[in-house]
C-alpha atoms as a PDB file:
ATOM      1  CA  MET A   1      19.178   2.619  25.731  1.00  0.00           C
ATOM      2  CA  PRO A   2      19.840   6.354  25.286  1.00  0.00           C
ATOM      3  CA  GLY A   3      21.887   5.606  22.172  1.00  0.00           C
ATOM      4  CA  VAL A   4      19.040   3.628  20.656  1.00  0.00           C
ATOM      5  CA  LEU A   5      16.566   6.417  21.381  1.00  0.00           C
ATOM      6  CA  THR A   6      18.876   8.998  19.840  1.00  0.00           C
ATOM      7  CA  PHE A   7      19.332   6.859  16.751  1.00  0.00           C
ATOM      8  CA  THR A   8      15.572   6.283  16.491  1.00  0.00           C
ATOM      9  CA  PHE A   9      14.857   9.990  16.811  1.00  0.00           C
ATOM     10  CA  GLN A  10      17.471  10.819  14.182  1.00  0.00           C
ATOM     11  CA  ALA A  11      16.065   8.194  11.830  1.00  0.00           C
ATOM     12  CA  LEU A  12      12.534   9.561  12.224  1.00  0.00           C
ATOM     13  CA  GLU A  13      13.783  13.098  11.714  1.00  0.00           C
ATOM     14  CA  TYR A  14      15.599  12.098   8.519  1.00  0.00           C
ATOM     15  CA  LEU A  15      12.537  10.215   7.298  1.00  0.00           C
ATOM     16  CA  ALA A  16      10.358  13.277   7.820  1.00  0.00           C
ATOM     17  CA  LYS A  17      12.822  15.548   6.017  1.00  0.00           C
ATOM     18  CA  SER A  18      13.130  13.186   3.076  1.00  0.00           C
ATOM     19  CA  GLN A  19       9.346  12.820   2.760  1.00  0.00           C
ATOM     20  CA  GLY A  20       9.980   9.083   2.649  1.00  0.00           C
ATOM     21  CA  ILE A  21       6.621   8.103   4.073  1.00  0.00           C
ATOM     22  CA  GLU A  22       4.671  10.254   1.628  1.00  0.00           C
ATOM     23  CA  ARG A  23       6.756   9.079  -1.315  1.00  0.00           C
ATOM     24  CA  THR A  24       6.222   5.465  -0.254  1.00  0.00           C
ATOM     25  CA  ARG A  25       2.476   6.044   0.041  1.00  0.00           C
ATOM     26  CA  LEU A  26       2.364   7.514  -3.472  1.00  0.00           C
ATOM     27  CA  LEU A  27       4.316   4.573  -4.858  1.00  0.00           C
ATOM     28  CA  ALA A  28       2.021   2.103  -3.100  1.00  0.00           C
ATOM     29  CA  THR A  29      -1.014   3.917  -4.507  1.00  0.00           C
ATOM     30  CA  GLU A  30       0.373   3.645  -8.016  1.00  0.00           C
ATOM     31  CA  HIS A  31       1.049  -0.069  -7.583  1.00  0.00           C
ATOM     32  CA  ALA A  32      -2.474  -0.601  -6.232  1.00  0.00           C
ATOM     33  CA  LYS A  33      -3.906   1.123  -9.309  1.00  0.00           C
ATOM     34  CA  LEU A  34      -1.802  -1.059 -11.589  1.00  0.00           C
ATOM     35  CA  ALA A  35      -2.919  -4.171  -9.723  1.00  0.00           C
ATOM     36  CA  ALA A  36      -6.581  -3.161 -10.017  1.00  0.00           C
ATOM     37  CA  ARG A  37      -6.177  -2.611 -13.756  1.00  0.00           C
ATOM     38  CA  ALA A  38      -4.535  -6.020 -14.099  1.00  0.00           C
ATOM     39  CA  ILE A  39      -7.400  -7.642 -12.198  1.00  0.00           C
ATOM     40  CA  ASP A  40      -9.934  -5.838 -14.382  1.00  0.00           C
ATOM     41  CA  ALA A  41      -8.098  -7.054 -17.485  1.00  0.00           C
ATOM     42  CA  LEU A  42      -8.564 -10.710 -16.540  1.00  0.00           C
ATOM     43  CA  PRO A  43     -11.001 -12.632 -18.726  1.00  0.00           C
ATOM     44  CA  GLU A  44     -14.677 -12.472 -17.805  1.00  0.00           C
ATOM     45  CA  VAL A  45     -15.891 -15.334 -15.649  1.00  0.00           C
ATOM     46  CA  GLY A  46     -19.347 -16.391 -14.609  1.00  0.00           C
ATOM     47  CA  ASN A  47     -18.087 -17.795 -11.343  1.00  0.00           C
ATOM     48  CA  LYS A  48     -19.350 -15.725  -8.401  1.00  0.00           C
ATOM     49  CA  VAL A  49     -16.451 -16.822  -6.177  1.00  0.00           C
ATOM     50  CA  ALA A  50     -13.945 -15.546  -8.735  1.00  0.00           C
ATOM     51  CA  LEU A  51     -15.744 -12.206  -8.998  1.00  0.00           C
ATOM     52  CA  VAL A  52     -15.885 -11.799  -5.220  1.00  0.00           C
ATOM     53  CA  SER A  53     -12.220 -12.771  -4.927  1.00  0.00           C
ATOM     54  CA  ARG A  54     -11.169 -10.240  -7.531  1.00  0.00           C
ATOM     55  CA  GLN A  55     -13.065  -7.485  -5.759  1.00  0.00           C
ATOM     56  CA  ALA A  56     -11.576  -8.561  -2.423  1.00  0.00           C
ATOM     57  CA  LEU A  57      -8.066  -8.202  -3.846  1.00  0.00           C
ATOM     58  CA  LYS A  58      -8.815  -4.683  -5.055  1.00  0.00           C
ATOM     59  CA  ASP A  59     -10.418  -3.777  -1.713  1.00  0.00           C
ATOM     60  CA  LEU A  60      -7.433  -5.142   0.197  1.00  0.00           C
ATOM     61  CA  ALA A  61      -5.020  -3.000  -1.789  1.00  0.00           C
ATOM     62  CA  GLN A  62      -7.063   0.110  -0.989  1.00  0.00           C
ATOM     63  CA  LYS A  63      -7.324  -0.740   2.706  1.00  0.00           C
ATOM     64  CA  LEU A  64      -3.570  -1.193   2.949  1.00  0.00           C
ATOM     65  CA  ILE A  65      -2.995   2.226   1.435  1.00  0.00           C
ATOM     66  CA  ARG A  66      -5.475   3.941   3.759  1.00  0.00           C
ATOM     67  CA  ARG A  67      -4.314   2.316   6.980  1.00  0.00           C
ATOM     68  CA  THR A  68      -2.571   4.490   9.520  1.00  0.00           C
ATOM     69  CA  LYS A  69      -0.768   1.898  11.634  1.00  0.00           C
END
């Protein structure tokens, strides 16, 4: 197991140095914005279920970006 722990530590160290997590978060944020714009561009509907579903999709994208685990 010591080899696995060393590898894991090295991988985490490299990830921190490369700012991989932050860059991934920024990319995910941009994709969430694009998705929200695409949802907003859908044709108007009078169906309440469709409206709630669209909002739920946008909310889900934001929750995924803000999560910490």
